[in-house]
Amino acid sequence: YRDFATVIILVDICTVFFRSSYKDIIRRGYLIEL
């Protein structure tokens, strides 16, 4: 599970990079953010 915790970080960074997860994040409303 230590390996699991490390992989969570790596997968999250890859998700942010490939999905552009934070595009316009400051301007998003509640439903779009959800």
PDB file of all heavy atoms in Angstrom:
ATOM      1  N   TYR A   1       0.816  -1.211   0.000  1.00  0.00           N
ATOM      2  CA  TYR A   1       0.000   0.000   0.000  1.00  0.00           C
ATOM      3  C   TYR A   1       0.852   1.265   0.000  1.00  0.00           C
ATOM      4  O   TYR A   1       0.362   2.343  -0.366  1.00  0.00           O
ATOM      5  CB  TYR A   1      -0.962  -0.028   1.186  1.00  0.00           C
ATOM      6  CG  TYR A   1      -2.126  -0.969   0.951  1.00  0.00           C
ATOM      7  CD1 TYR A   1      -2.155  -2.229   1.537  1.00  0.00           C
ATOM      8  CD2 TYR A   1      -3.165  -0.605   0.106  1.00  0.00           C
ATOM      9  CE1 TYR A   1      -3.212  -3.108   1.301  1.00  0.00           C
ATOM     10  CE2 TYR A   1      -4.228  -1.472  -0.129  1.00  0.00           C
ATOM     11  CZ  TYR A   1      -4.238  -2.718   0.462  1.00  0.00           C
ATOM     12  OH  TYR A   1      -5.277  -3.575   0.211  1.00  0.00           O
ATOM     13  N   ARG A   2       2.114   1.152   0.380  1.00  0.00           N
ATOM     14  CA  ARG A   2       3.007   2.294   0.193  1.00  0.00           C
ATOM     15  C   ARG A   2       3.228   2.535  -1.300  1.00  0.00           C
ATOM     16  O   ARG A   2       3.256   3.686  -1.763  1.00  0.00           O
ATOM     17  CB  ARG A   2       4.351   2.058   0.902  1.00  0.00           C
ATOM     18  CG  ARG A   2       4.251   2.103   2.403  1.00  0.00           C
ATOM     19  CD  ARG A   2       5.590   2.482   3.053  1.00  0.00           C
ATOM     20  NE  ARG A   2       6.623   1.506   2.780  1.00  0.00           N
ATOM     21  CZ  ARG A   2       6.877   0.452   3.544  1.00  0.00           C
ATOM     22  NH1 ARG A   2       6.140   0.223   4.618  1.00  0.00           N
ATOM     23  NH2 ARG A   2       7.864  -0.367   3.246  1.00  0.00           N
ATOM     24  N   ASP A   3       3.371   1.457  -2.056  1.00  0.00           N
ATOM     25  CA  ASP A   3       3.472   1.579  -3.514  1.00  0.00           C
ATOM     26  C   ASP A   3       2.188   2.173  -4.090  1.00  0.00           C
ATOM     27  O   ASP A   3       2.225   3.006  -4.999  1.00  0.00           O
ATOM     28  CB  ASP A   3       3.738   0.215  -4.150  1.00  0.00           C
ATOM     29  CG  ASP A   3       5.096  -0.355  -3.770  1.00  0.00           C
ATOM     30  OD1 ASP A   3       5.957   0.420  -3.328  1.00  0.00           O
ATOM     31  OD2 ASP A   3       5.279  -1.582  -3.905  1.00  0.00           O
ATOM     32  N   PHE A   4       1.055   1.748  -3.542  1.00  0.00           N
ATOM     33  CA  PHE A   4      -0.245   2.255  -3.983  1.00  0.00           C
ATOM     34  C   PHE A   4      -0.329   3.760  -3.798  1.00  0.00           C
ATOM     35  O   PHE A   4      -0.778   4.498  -4.687  1.00  0.00           O
ATOM     36  CB  PHE A   4      -1.348   1.539  -3.196  1.00  0.00           C
ATOM     37  CG  PHE A   4      -2.740   1.872  -3.627  1.00  0.00           C
ATOM     38  CD1 PHE A   4      -3.346   1.200  -4.671  1.00  0.00           C
ATOM     39  CD2 PHE A   4      -3.468   2.859  -2.976  1.00  0.00           C
ATOM     40  CE1 PHE A   4      -4.638   1.499  -5.075  1.00  0.00           C
ATOM     41  CE2 PHE A   4      -4.755   3.172  -3.366  1.00  0.00           C
ATOM     42  CZ  PHE A   4      -5.339   2.483  -4.412  1.00  0.00           C
ATOM     43  N   ALA A   5       0.118   4.239  -2.628  1.00  0.00           N
ATOM     44  CA  ALA A   5       0.076   5.677  -2.336  1.00  0.00           C
ATOM     45  C   ALA A   5       0.974   6.458  -3.293  1.00  0.00           C
ATOM     46  O   ALA A   5       0.631   7.573  -3.712  1.00  0.00           O
ATOM     47  CB  ALA A   5       0.506   5.919  -0.893  1.00  0.00           C
ATOM     48  N   THR A   6       2.115   5.889  -3.640  1.00  0.00           N
ATOM     49  CA  THR A   6       3.027   6.555  -4.585  1.00  0.00           C
ATOM     50  C   THR A   6       2.412   6.632  -5.970  1.00  0.00           C
ATOM     51  O   THR A   6       2.495   7.667  -6.654  1.00  0.00           O
ATOM     52  CB  THR A   6       4.365   5.803  -4.652  1.00  0.00           C
ATOM     53  OG1 THR A   6       4.944   5.756  -3.349  1.00  0.00           O
ATOM     54  CG2 THR A   6       5.319   6.499  -5.609  1.00  0.00           C
ATOM     55  N   VAL A   7       1.778   5.555  -6.392  1.00  0.00           N
ATOM     56  CA  VAL A   7       1.164   5.518  -7.730  1.00  0.00           C
ATOM     57  C   VAL A   7       0.019   6.520  -7.828  1.00  0.00           C
ATOM     58  O   VAL A   7      -0.200   7.118  -8.885  1.00  0.00           O
ATOM     59  CB  VAL A   7       0.681   4.081  -8.065  1.00  0.00           C
ATOM     60  CG1 VAL A   7      -0.179   4.079  -9.320  1.00  0.00           C
ATOM     61  CG2 VAL A   7       1.873   3.162  -8.229  1.00  0.00           C
ATOM     62  N   ILE A   8      -0.715   6.731  -6.746  1.00  0.00           N
ATOM     63  CA  ILE A   8      -1.792   7.723  -6.745  1.00  0.00           C
ATOM     64  C   ILE A   8      -1.240   9.087  -7.162  1.00  0.00           C
ATOM     65  O   ILE A   8      -1.840   9.798  -7.990  1.00  0.00           O
ATOM     66  CB  ILE A   8      -2.448   7.822  -5.352  1.00  0.00           C
ATOM     67  CG1 ILE A   8      -3.294   6.584  -5.072  1.00  0.00           C
ATOM     68  CG2 ILE A   8      -3.328   9.079  -5.256  1.00  0.00           C
ATOM     69  CD1 ILE A   8      -3.848   6.535  -3.660  1.00  0.00           C
ATOM     70  N   ILE A   9      -0.090   9.465  -6.600  1.00  0.00           N
ATOM     71  CA  ILE A   9       0.518  10.758  -6.930  1.00  0.00           C
ATOM     72  C   ILE A   9       0.892  10.827  -8.401  1.00  0.00           C
ATOM     73  O   ILE A   9       0.583  11.805  -9.096  1.00  0.00           O
ATOM     74  CB  ILE A   9       1.769  10.996  -6.053  1.00  0.00           C
ATOM     75  CG1 ILE A   9       1.377  11.065  -4.581  1.00  0.00           C
ATOM     76  CG2 ILE A   9       2.481  12.283  -6.485  1.00  0.00           C
ATOM     77  CD1 ILE A   9       2.561  11.148  -3.640  1.00  0.00           C
ATOM     78  N   LEU A  10       1.535   9.777  -8.910  1.00  0.00           N
ATOM     79  CA  LEU A  10       1.979   9.770 -10.311  1.00  0.00           C
ATOM     80  C   LEU A  10       0.793   9.799 -11.271  1.00  0.00           C
ATOM     81  O   LEU A  10       0.805  10.536 -12.276  1.00  0.00           O
ATOM     82  CB  LEU A  10       2.843   8.536 -10.573  1.00  0.00           C
ATOM     83  CG  LEU A  10       4.137   8.440  -9.759  1.00  0.00           C
ATOM     84  CD1 LEU A  10       4.862   7.127 -10.055  1.00  0.00           C
ATOM     85  CD2 LEU A  10       5.046   9.620 -10.054  1.00  0.00           C
ATOM     86  N   VAL A  11      -0.240   9.022 -10.969  1.00  0.00           N
ATOM     87  CA  VAL A  11      -1.419   8.982 -11.839  1.00  0.00           C
ATOM     88  C   VAL A  11      -2.151  10.319 -11.806  1.00  0.00           C
ATOM     89  O   VAL A  11      -2.638  10.803 -12.838  1.00  0.00           O
ATOM     90  CB  VAL A  11      -2.366   7.834 -11.424  1.00  0.00           C
ATOM     91  CG1 VAL A  11      -3.677   7.906 -12.207  1.00  0.00           C
ATOM     92  CG2 VAL A  11      -1.701   6.488 -11.654  1.00  0.00           C
ATOM     93  N   ASP A  12      -2.202  10.940 -10.642  1.00  0.00           N
ATOM     94  CA  ASP A  12      -2.864  12.246 -10.535  1.00  0.00           C
ATOM     95  C   ASP A  12      -2.141  13.287 -11.386  1.00  0.00           C
ATOM     96  O   ASP A  12      -2.784  14.065 -12.105  1.00  0.00           O
ATOM     97  CB  ASP A  12      -2.902  12.696  -9.075  1.00  0.00           C
ATOM     98  CG  ASP A  12      -3.624  14.016  -8.909  1.00  0.00           C
ATOM     99  OD1 ASP A  12      -4.828  14.086  -9.221  1.00  0.00           O
ATOM    100  OD2 ASP A  12      -2.986  14.998  -8.484  1.00  0.00           O
ATOM    101  N   ILE A  13      -0.817  13.304 -11.336  1.00  0.00           N
ATOM    102  CA  ILE A  13      -0.045  14.259 -12.146  1.00  0.00           C
ATOM    103  C   ILE A  13      -0.279  14.007 -13.631  1.00  0.00           C
ATOM    104  O   ILE A  13      -0.470  14.952 -14.412  1.00  0.00           O
ATOM    105  CB  ILE A  13       1.456  14.153 -11.799  1.00  0.00           C
ATOM    106  CG1 ILE A  13       1.697  14.651 -10.370  1.00  0.00           C
ATOM    107  CG2 ILE A  13       2.293  14.975 -12.791  1.00  0.00           C
ATOM    108  CD1 ILE A  13       3.107  14.439  -9.877  1.00  0.00           C
ATOM    109  N   CYS A  14      -0.297  12.745 -14.044  1.00  0.00           N
ATOM    110  CA  CYS A  14      -0.556  12.416 -15.455  1.00  0.00           C
ATOM    111  C   CYS A  14      -1.960  12.830 -15.868  1.00  0.00           C
ATOM    112  O   CYS A  14      -2.171  13.345 -16.977  1.00  0.00           O
ATOM    113  CB  CYS A  14      -0.368  10.915 -15.687  1.00  0.00           C
ATOM    114  SG  CYS A  14       1.338  10.347 -15.557  1.00  0.00           S
ATOM    115  N   THR A  15      -2.920  12.640 -14.980  1.00  0.00           N
ATOM    116  CA  THR A  15      -4.305  13.035 -15.273  1.00  0.00           C
ATOM    117  C   THR A  15      -4.410  14.535 -15.469  1.00  0.00           C
ATOM    118  O   THR A  15      -5.063  15.018 -16.415  1.00  0.00           O
ATOM    119  CB  THR A  15      -5.237  12.592 -14.132  1.00  0.00           C
ATOM    120  OG1 THR A  15      -5.170  11.172 -13.983  1.00  0.00           O
ATOM    121  CG2 THR A  15      -6.682  12.995 -14.427  1.00  0.00           C
ATOM    122  N   VAL A  16      -3.765  15.285 -14.589  1.00  0.00           N
ATOM    123  CA  VAL A  16      -3.775  16.746 -14.712  1.00  0.00           C
ATOM    124  C   VAL A  16      -3.151  17.172 -16.033  1.00  0.00           C
ATOM    125  O   VAL A  16      -3.661  18.070 -16.724  1.00  0.00           O
ATOM    126  CB  VAL A  16      -3.012  17.385 -13.532  1.00  0.00           C
ATOM    127  CG1 VAL A  16      -2.801  18.878 -13.766  1.00  0.00           C
ATOM    128  CG2 VAL A  16      -3.784  17.175 -12.238  1.00  0.00           C
ATOM    129  N   PHE A  17      -2.059  16.539 -16.410  1.00  0.00           N
ATOM    130  CA  PHE A  17      -1.347  16.919 -17.627  1.00  0.00           C
ATOM    131  C   PHE A  17      -2.165  16.625 -18.881  1.00  0.00           C
ATOM    132  O   PHE A  17      -2.333  17.482 -19.752  1.00  0.00           O
ATOM    133  CB  PHE A  17      -0.005  16.185 -17.693  1.00  0.00           C
ATOM    134  CG  PHE A  17       0.803  16.526 -18.908  1.00  0.00           C
ATOM    135  CD1 PHE A  17       1.565  17.689 -18.944  1.00  0.00           C
ATOM    136  CD2 PHE A  17       0.804  15.701 -20.020  1.00  0.00           C
ATOM    137  CE1 PHE A  17       2.313  18.015 -20.067  1.00  0.00           C
ATOM    138  CE2 PHE A  17       1.544  16.012 -21.147  1.00  0.00           C
ATOM    139  CZ  PHE A  17       2.300  17.172 -21.177  1.00  0.00           C
ATOM    140  N   PHE A  18      -2.699  15.415 -18.974  1.00  0.00           N
ATOM    141  CA  PHE A  18      -3.378  15.008 -20.210  1.00  0.00           C
ATOM    142  C   PHE A  18      -4.810  15.514 -20.305  1.00  0.00           C
ATOM    143  O   PHE A  18      -5.338  15.690 -21.404  1.00  0.00           O
ATOM    144  CB  PHE A  18      -3.350  13.484 -20.348  1.00  0.00           C
ATOM    145  CG  PHE A  18      -1.982  12.943 -20.668  1.00  0.00           C
ATOM    146  CD1 PHE A  18      -1.243  12.254 -19.709  1.00  0.00           C
ATOM    147  CD2 PHE A  18      -1.414  13.140 -21.916  1.00  0.00           C
ATOM    148  CE1 PHE A  18       0.025  11.766 -19.998  1.00  0.00           C
ATOM    149  CE2 PHE A  18      -0.153  12.656 -22.222  1.00  0.00           C
ATOM    150  CZ  PHE A  18       0.571  11.962 -21.259  1.00  0.00           C
ATOM    151  N   ARG A  19      -5.475  15.776 -19.174  1.00  0.00           N
ATOM    152  CA  ARG A  19      -6.853  16.261 -19.213  1.00  0.00           C
ATOM    153  C   ARG A  19      -6.949  17.782 -19.093  1.00  0.00           C
ATOM    154  O   ARG A  19      -8.028  18.337 -19.251  1.00  0.00           O
ATOM    155  CB  ARG A  19      -7.688  15.654 -18.076  1.00  0.00           C
ATOM    156  CG  ARG A  19      -8.052  14.207 -18.233  1.00  0.00           C
ATOM    157  CD  ARG A  19      -9.200  13.839 -17.306  1.00  0.00           C
ATOM    158  NE  ARG A  19     -10.437  14.483 -17.707  1.00  0.00           N
ATOM    159  CZ  ARG A  19     -11.070  15.417 -17.000  1.00  0.00           C
ATOM    160  NH1 ARG A  19     -10.562  15.866 -15.869  1.00  0.00           N
ATOM    161  NH2 ARG A  19     -12.211  15.938 -17.433  1.00  0.00           N
ATOM    162  N   SER A  20      -5.827  18.444 -18.797  1.00  0.00           N
ATOM    163  CA  SER A  20      -5.874  19.885 -18.517  1.00  0.00           C
ATOM    164  C   SER A  20      -6.939  20.166 -17.462  1.00  0.00           C
ATOM    165  O   SER A  20      -7.838  20.996 -17.632  1.00  0.00           O
ATOM    166  CB  SER A  20      -6.166  20.686 -19.791  1.00  0.00           C
ATOM    167  OG  SER A  20      -5.151  20.494 -20.744  1.00  0.00           O
ATOM    168  N   SER A  21      -6.830  19.435 -16.342  1.00  0.00           N
ATOM    169  CA  SER A  21      -7.879  19.435 -15.314  1.00  0.00           C
ATOM    170  C   SER A  21      -8.157  20.804 -14.707  1.00  0.00           C
ATOM    171  O   SER A  21      -9.235  21.038 -14.170  1.00  0.00           O
ATOM    172  CB  SER A  21      -7.498  18.460 -14.199  1.00  0.00           C
ATOM    173  OG  SER A  21      -7.390  17.150 -14.696  1.00  0.00           O
ATOM    174  N   TYR A  22      -7.179  21.702 -14.761  1.00  0.00           N
ATOM    175  CA  TYR A  22      -7.348  22.979 -14.083  1.00  0.00           C
ATOM    176  C   TYR A  22      -7.608  24.137 -15.035  1.00  0.00           C
ATOM    177  O   TYR A  22      -7.487  25.305 -14.641  1.00  0.00           O
ATOM    178  CB  TYR A  22      -6.114  23.276 -13.224  1.00  0.00           C
ATOM    179  CG  TYR A  22      -5.812  22.179 -12.234  1.00  0.00           C
ATOM    180  CD1 TYR A  22      -4.510  21.726 -12.028  1.00  0.00           C
ATOM    181  CD2 TYR A  22      -6.835  21.571 -11.510  1.00  0.00           C
ATOM    182  CE1 TYR A  22      -4.239  20.713 -11.126  1.00  0.00           C
ATOM    183  CE2 TYR A  22      -6.581  20.554 -10.614  1.00  0.00           C
ATOM    184  CZ  TYR A  22      -5.280  20.129 -10.431  1.00  0.00           C
ATOM    185  OH  TYR A  22      -5.026  19.122  -9.532  1.00  0.00           O
ATOM    186  N   LYS A  23      -7.995  23.836 -16.252  1.00  0.00           N
ATOM    187  CA  LYS A  23      -8.312  24.896 -17.199  1.00  0.00           C
ATOM    188  C   LYS A  23      -9.532  25.677 -16.719  1.00  0.00           C
ATOM    189  O   LYS A  23     -10.588  25.111 -16.442  1.00  0.00           O
ATOM    190  CB  LYS A  23      -8.587  24.299 -18.585  1.00  0.00           C
ATOM    191  CG  LYS A  23      -8.870  25.352 -19.646  1.00  0.00           C
ATOM    192  CD  LYS A  23      -9.102  24.703 -21.013  1.00  0.00           C
ATOM    193  CE  LYS A  23      -9.386  25.755 -22.071  1.00  0.00           C
ATOM    194  NZ  LYS A  23      -9.632  25.145 -23.393  1.00  0.00           N
ATOM    195  N   ASP A  24      -9.388  26.984 -16.589  1.00  0.00           N
ATOM    196  CA  ASP A  24     -10.472  27.876 -16.144  1.00  0.00           C
ATOM    197  C   ASP A  24     -11.011  27.498 -14.767  1.00  0.00           C
ATOM    198  O   ASP A  24     -12.168  27.789 -14.443  1.00  0.00           O
ATOM    199  CB  ASP A  24     -11.637  27.874 -17.155  1.00  0.00           C
ATOM    200  CG  ASP A  24     -11.232  28.464 -18.492  1.00  0.00           C
ATOM    201  OD1 ASP A  24     -10.370  29.357 -18.504  1.00  0.00           O
ATOM    202  OD2 ASP A  24     -11.774  28.017 -19.521  1.00  0.00           O
ATOM    203  N   ILE A  25     -10.193  26.875 -13.937  1.00  0.00           N
ATOM    204  CA  ILE A  25     -10.706  26.398 -12.643  1.00  0.00           C
ATOM    205  C   ILE A  25     -11.173  27.545 -11.750  1.00  0.00           C
ATOM    206  O   ILE A  25     -12.140  27.408 -11.003  1.00  0.00           O
ATOM    207  CB  ILE A  25      -9.630  25.548 -11.921  1.00  0.00           C
ATOM    208  CG1 ILE A  25     -10.239  24.885 -10.674  1.00  0.00           C
ATOM    209  CG2 ILE A  25      -8.405  26.383 -11.568  1.00  0.00           C
ATOM    210  CD1 ILE A  25      -9.346  23.851 -10.043  1.00  0.00           C
ATOM    211  N   ILE A  26     -10.541  28.698 -11.858  1.00  0.00           N
ATOM    212  CA  ILE A  26     -10.916  29.818 -11.003  1.00  0.00           C
ATOM    213  C   ILE A  26     -12.308  30.337 -11.354  1.00  0.00           C
ATOM    214  O   ILE A  26     -13.044  30.809 -10.491  1.00  0.00           O
ATOM    215  CB  ILE A  26      -9.886  30.960 -11.117  1.00  0.00           C
ATOM    216  CG1 ILE A  26      -8.495  30.464 -10.706  1.00  0.00           C
ATOM    217  CG2 ILE A  26     -10.285  32.143 -10.244  1.00  0.00           C
ATOM    218  CD1 ILE A  26      -8.411  29.979  -9.281  1.00  0.00           C
ATOM    219  N   ARG A  27     -12.692  30.229 -12.606  1.00  0.00           N
ATOM    220  CA  ARG A  27     -13.968  30.783 -13.068  1.00  0.00           C
ATOM    221  C   ARG A  27     -15.110  29.765 -13.054  1.00  0.00           C
ATOM    222  O   ARG A  27     -16.244  30.116 -13.348  1.00  0.00           O
ATOM    223  CB  ARG A  27     -13.811  31.340 -14.488  1.00  0.00           C
ATOM    224  CG  ARG A  27     -12.774  32.450 -14.582  1.00  0.00           C
ATOM    225  CD  ARG A  27     -12.666  32.968 -16.009  1.00  0.00           C
ATOM    226  NE  ARG A  27     -11.629  33.966 -16.135  1.00  0.00           N
ATOM    227  CZ  ARG A  27     -11.776  35.256 -15.848  1.00  0.00           C
ATOM    228  NH1 ARG A  27     -12.935  35.698 -15.423  1.00  0.00           N
ATOM    229  NH2 ARG A  27     -10.771  36.095 -15.984  1.00  0.00           N
ATOM    230  N   ARG A  28     -14.837  28.532 -12.749  1.00  0.00           N
ATOM    231  CA  ARG A  28     -15.886  27.511 -12.779  1.00  0.00           C
ATOM    232  C   ARG A  28     -16.934  27.740 -11.695  1.00  0.00           C
ATOM    233  O   ARG A  28     -16.608  28.114 -10.574  1.00  0.00           O
ATOM    234  CB  ARG A  28     -15.280  26.123 -12.566  1.00  0.00           C
ATOM    235  CG  ARG A  28     -14.408  25.601 -13.686  1.00  0.00           C
ATOM    236  CD  ARG A  28     -13.839  24.265 -13.270  1.00  0.00           C
ATOM    237  NE  ARG A  28     -12.791  23.814 -14.156  1.00  0.00           N
ATOM    238  CZ  ARG A  28     -11.927  22.854 -13.853  1.00  0.00           C
ATOM    239  NH1 ARG A  28     -12.022  22.253 -12.685  1.00  0.00           N
ATOM    240  NH2 ARG A  28     -10.985  22.508 -14.709  1.00  0.00           N
ATOM    241  N   GLY A  29     -18.195  27.441 -12.058  1.00  0.00           N
ATOM    242  CA  GLY A  29     -19.265  27.459 -11.076  1.00  0.00           C
ATOM    243  C   GLY A  29     -19.306  26.151 -10.310  1.00  0.00           C
ATOM    244  O   GLY A  29     -18.523  25.233 -10.550  1.00  0.00           O
ATOM    245  N   TYR A  30     -20.259  26.035  -9.384  1.00  0.00           N
ATOM    246  CA  TYR A  30     -20.332  24.864  -8.518  1.00  0.00           C
ATOM    247  C   TYR A  30     -20.590  23.572  -9.293  1.00  0.00           C
ATOM    248  O   TYR A  30     -19.942  22.552  -9.044  1.00  0.00           O
ATOM    249  CB  TYR A  30     -21.431  25.060  -7.468  1.00  0.00           C
ATOM    250  CG  TYR A  30     -21.165  26.192  -6.510  1.00  0.00           C
ATOM    251  CD1 TYR A  30     -21.961  27.332  -6.496  1.00  0.00           C
ATOM    252  CD2 TYR A  30     -20.103  26.127  -5.613  1.00  0.00           C
ATOM    253  CE1 TYR A  30     -21.711  28.372  -5.614  1.00  0.00           C
ATOM    254  CE2 TYR A  30     -19.841  27.164  -4.724  1.00  0.00           C
ATOM    255  CZ  TYR A  30     -20.651  28.283  -4.742  1.00  0.00           C
ATOM    256  OH  TYR A  30     -20.381  29.306  -3.870  1.00  0.00           O
ATOM    257  N   LEU A  31     -21.544  23.596 -10.220  1.00  0.00           N
ATOM    258  CA  LEU A  31     -21.896  22.372 -10.938  1.00  0.00           C
ATOM    259  C   LEU A  31     -20.784  21.935 -11.887  1.00  0.00           C
ATOM    260  O   LEU A  31     -20.491  20.740 -12.005  1.00  0.00           O
ATOM    261  CB  LEU A  31     -23.207  22.571 -11.710  1.00  0.00           C
ATOM    262  CG  LEU A  31     -24.460  22.740 -10.843  1.00  0.00           C
ATOM    263  CD1 LEU A  31     -25.688  22.946 -11.714  1.00  0.00           C
ATOM    264  CD2 LEU A  31     -24.660  21.518  -9.947  1.00  0.00           C
ATOM    265  N   ILE A  32     -20.177  22.896 -12.571  1.00  0.00           N
ATOM    266  CA  ILE A  32     -19.076  22.550 -13.468  1.00  0.00           C
ATOM    267  C   ILE A  32     -17.904  21.989 -12.667  1.00  0.00           C
ATOM    268  O   ILE A  32     -17.268  21.008 -13.071  1.00  0.00           O
ATOM    269  CB  ILE A  32     -18.631  23.780 -14.285  1.00  0.00           C
ATOM    270  CG1 ILE A  32     -19.767  24.231 -15.210  1.00  0.00           C
ATOM    271  CG2 ILE A  32     -17.372  23.474 -15.091  1.00  0.00           C
ATOM    272  CD1 ILE A  32     -19.449  25.484 -16.007  1.00  0.00           C
ATOM    273  N   GLU A  33     -17.638  22.593 -11.512  1.00  0.00           N
ATOM    274  CA  GLU A  33     -16.551  22.086 -10.663  1.00  0.00           C
ATOM    275  C   GLU A  33     -16.845  20.680 -10.173  1.00  0.00           C
ATOM    276  O   GLU A  33     -15.943  19.821 -10.121  1.00  0.00           O
ATOM    277  CB  GLU A  33     -16.340  23.020  -9.471  1.00  0.00           C
ATOM    278  CG  GLU A  33     -15.073  22.721  -8.688  1.00  0.00           C
ATOM    279  CD  GLU A  33     -13.832  22.847  -9.549  1.00  0.00           C
ATOM    280  OE1 GLU A  33     -13.560  23.942 -10.061  1.00  0.00           O
ATOM    281  OE2 GLU A  33     -13.144  21.818  -9.727  1.00  0.00           O
ATOM    282  N   LEU A  34     -18.096  20.408  -9.820  1.00  0.00           N
ATOM    283  CA  LEU A  34     -18.472  19.068  -9.381  1.00  0.00           C
ATOM    284  C   LEU A  34     -18.258  18.065 -10.508  1.00  0.00           C
ATOM    285  O   LEU A  34     -17.702  16.980 -10.287  1.00  0.00           O
ATOM    286  CB  LEU A  34     -19.929  19.051  -8.926  1.00  0.00           C
ATOM    287  CG  LEU A  34     -20.478  17.686  -8.496  1.00  0.00           C
ATOM    288  CD1 LEU A  34     -19.673  17.125  -7.325  1.00  0.00           C
ATOM    289  CD2 LEU A  34     -21.954  17.797  -8.135  1.00  0.00           C
TER     290      LEU A  34
END
